[in-house]
Amino acid sequence: MAGKILANLIVMGSAILGRAFIQAYRQALANASKSGVAQETIQNTIRRGSKVMTEQEARQILGVTEKTSWEEILKKYDTLFERNSKNGSFYIQSKVHRAKECLEAVHQGKGEGTPT
């Protein structure tokens, strides 16, 4: 008999806690939507989910600046790509390749001629 009462108390207590948790969560969502935090969180999630490399990240990977010529960028790319093809990682090699693609698009966008 005592076991049955104890089981009922546990079930009722967990139901009360569950309802309280759901109510608190709903209130938190309402507060977040009022303050604009929810929209900002969604946009940050979208940005993080995006696989597009920024120009700054591409320049960091290749170790070049904004003033570096396209020929120097290609030399850096070739050096890093070859090093990683011999005894490096495929992940780093792909990052180097994506960085070159990103900078190539930026270079073409500036109208500085077709990169070779």
Protein backbone atom coordinates (compact mmCIF):
# COMPACT_ATOMS: atom_id res chain seq x y z
CA MET A 1 0.00 0.00 0.00
CA ALA A 2 2.79 2.44 0.87
CA GLY A 3 4.50 1.65 -2.45
CA LYS A 4 1.33 2.53 -4.35
CA ILE A 5 1.00 5.86 -2.55
CA LEU A 6 4.68 6.63 -3.14
CA ALA A 7 4.32 5.81 -6.86
CA ASN A 8 1.26 8.09 -7.13
CA LEU A 9 3.14 10.92 -5.42
CA ILE A 10 6.08 10.54 -7.81
CA VAL A 11 3.81 10.54 -10.87
CA MET A 12 1.83 13.56 -9.66
CA GLY A 13 5.00 15.43 -8.72
CA SER A 14 6.62 14.82 -12.07
CA ALA A 15 3.43 15.93 -13.87
CA ILE A 16 3.40 19.18 -11.87
CA LEU A 17 7.09 19.78 -12.58
CA GLY A 18 6.56 19.02 -16.27
CA ARG A 19 3.71 21.55 -16.52
CA ALA A 20 5.79 24.16 -14.68
CA PHE A 21 8.72 23.58 -17.05
CA ILE A 22 6.51 23.94 -20.12
CA GLN A 23 4.95 27.12 -18.75
CA ALA A 24 8.39 28.60 -17.97
CA TYR A 25 9.62 27.70 -21.46
CA ARG A 26 6.61 29.38 -23.08
CA GLN A 27 7.18 32.48 -20.98
CA ALA A 28 10.85 32.57 -21.95
CA LEU A 29 9.92 32.35 -25.63
CA ALA A 30 7.40 35.16 -25.23
CA ASN A 31 9.99 37.35 -23.49
CA ALA A 32 12.58 36.58 -26.15
CA SER A 33 10.24 37.49 -28.98
CA LYS A 34 9.34 40.78 -27.28
CA SER A 35 12.98 41.80 -26.90
CA GLY A 36 14.06 40.62 -30.37
CA VAL A 37 16.43 38.00 -29.01
CA ALA A 38 14.61 35.21 -30.83
CA GLN A 39 15.07 36.83 -34.23
CA GLU A 40 18.75 37.49 -33.55
CA THR A 41 19.26 33.89 -32.46
CA ILE A 42 17.64 32.59 -35.63
CA GLN A 43 19.82 34.81 -37.81
CA ASN A 44 22.98 33.74 -35.96
CA THR A 45 22.01 30.10 -36.46
CA ILE A 46 21.50 30.68 -40.17
CA ARG A 47 24.88 32.42 -40.43
CA ARG A 48 26.64 29.57 -38.63
CA GLY A 49 24.90 27.02 -40.84
CA SER A 50 26.11 28.79 -43.94
CA LYS A 51 29.10 27.09 -45.52
CA VAL A 52 30.29 30.20 -47.34
CA MET A 53 33.83 31.29 -46.50
CA THR A 54 34.39 34.97 -45.88
CA GLU A 55 37.14 36.91 -47.61
CA GLN A 56 38.84 37.55 -44.28
CA GLU A 57 38.85 33.83 -43.44
CA ALA A 58 40.22 33.01 -46.91
CA ARG A 59 43.03 35.54 -46.50
CA GLN A 60 43.90 34.09 -43.08
CA ILE A 61 44.06 30.55 -44.44
CA LEU A 62 46.36 31.52 -47.29
CA GLY A 63 48.33 34.01 -45.21
CA VAL A 64 47.85 36.97 -47.55
CA THR A 65 46.72 40.57 -47.13
CA GLU A 66 44.38 42.72 -49.19
CA LYS A 67 47.36 44.23 -50.99
CA THR A 68 48.79 40.87 -52.08
CA SER A 69 48.86 40.42 -55.85
CA TRP A 70 46.94 37.60 -57.50
CA GLU A 71 50.18 35.94 -58.60
CA GLU A 72 51.44 35.83 -55.00
CA ILE A 73 48.10 34.40 -53.87
CA LEU A 74 48.45 31.64 -56.47
CA LYS A 75 52.00 30.89 -55.31
CA LYS A 76 50.82 30.61 -51.69
CA TYR A 77 47.93 28.43 -52.81
CA ASP A 78 50.16 26.10 -54.83
CA THR A 79 52.65 25.78 -51.97
CA LEU A 80 50.02 25.03 -49.32
CA PHE A 81 48.03 22.73 -51.59
CA GLU A 82 51.07 20.67 -52.55
CA ARG A 83 52.32 20.40 -48.96
CA ASN A 84 48.98 19.02 -47.85
CA SER A 85 48.62 16.67 -50.80
CA LYS A 86 51.88 14.90 -49.94
CA ASN A 87 51.66 14.42 -46.20
CA GLY A 88 48.96 16.73 -44.88
CA SER A 89 45.29 16.45 -44.23
CA PHE A 90 42.53 16.42 -46.81
CA TYR A 91 40.54 18.83 -44.60
CA ILE A 92 43.27 21.48 -44.67
CA GLN A 93 43.79 20.92 -48.37
CA SER A 94 40.09 21.51 -49.01
CA LYS A 95 40.15 24.66 -46.85
CA VAL A 96 43.08 25.97 -48.90
CA HIS A 97 41.19 25.23 -52.12
CA ARG A 98 38.01 26.95 -50.85
CA ALA A 99 40.06 29.95 -49.77
CA LYS A 100 41.50 30.26 -53.27
CA GLU A 101 38.01 29.98 -54.79
CA CYS A 102 36.72 32.69 -52.47
CA LEU A 103 39.56 35.08 -53.30
CA GLU A 104 39.20 34.27 -56.98
CA ALA A 105 35.55 35.36 -56.84
CA VAL A 106 36.52 38.55 -55.02
CA HIS A 107 39.29 39.21 -57.53
CA GLN A 108 36.91 38.76 -60.46
CA GLY A 109 34.27 40.89 -58.73
CA LYS A 110 36.69 43.80 -58.51
CA GLY A 111 37.16 43.64 -62.27
CA GLU A 112 40.89 43.07 -62.08
CA GLY A 113 40.89 40.72 -65.00
CA THR A 114 40.53 36.98 -65.16
CA PRO A 115 42.69 35.13 -62.65
CA THR A 116 44.85 32.42 -64.14
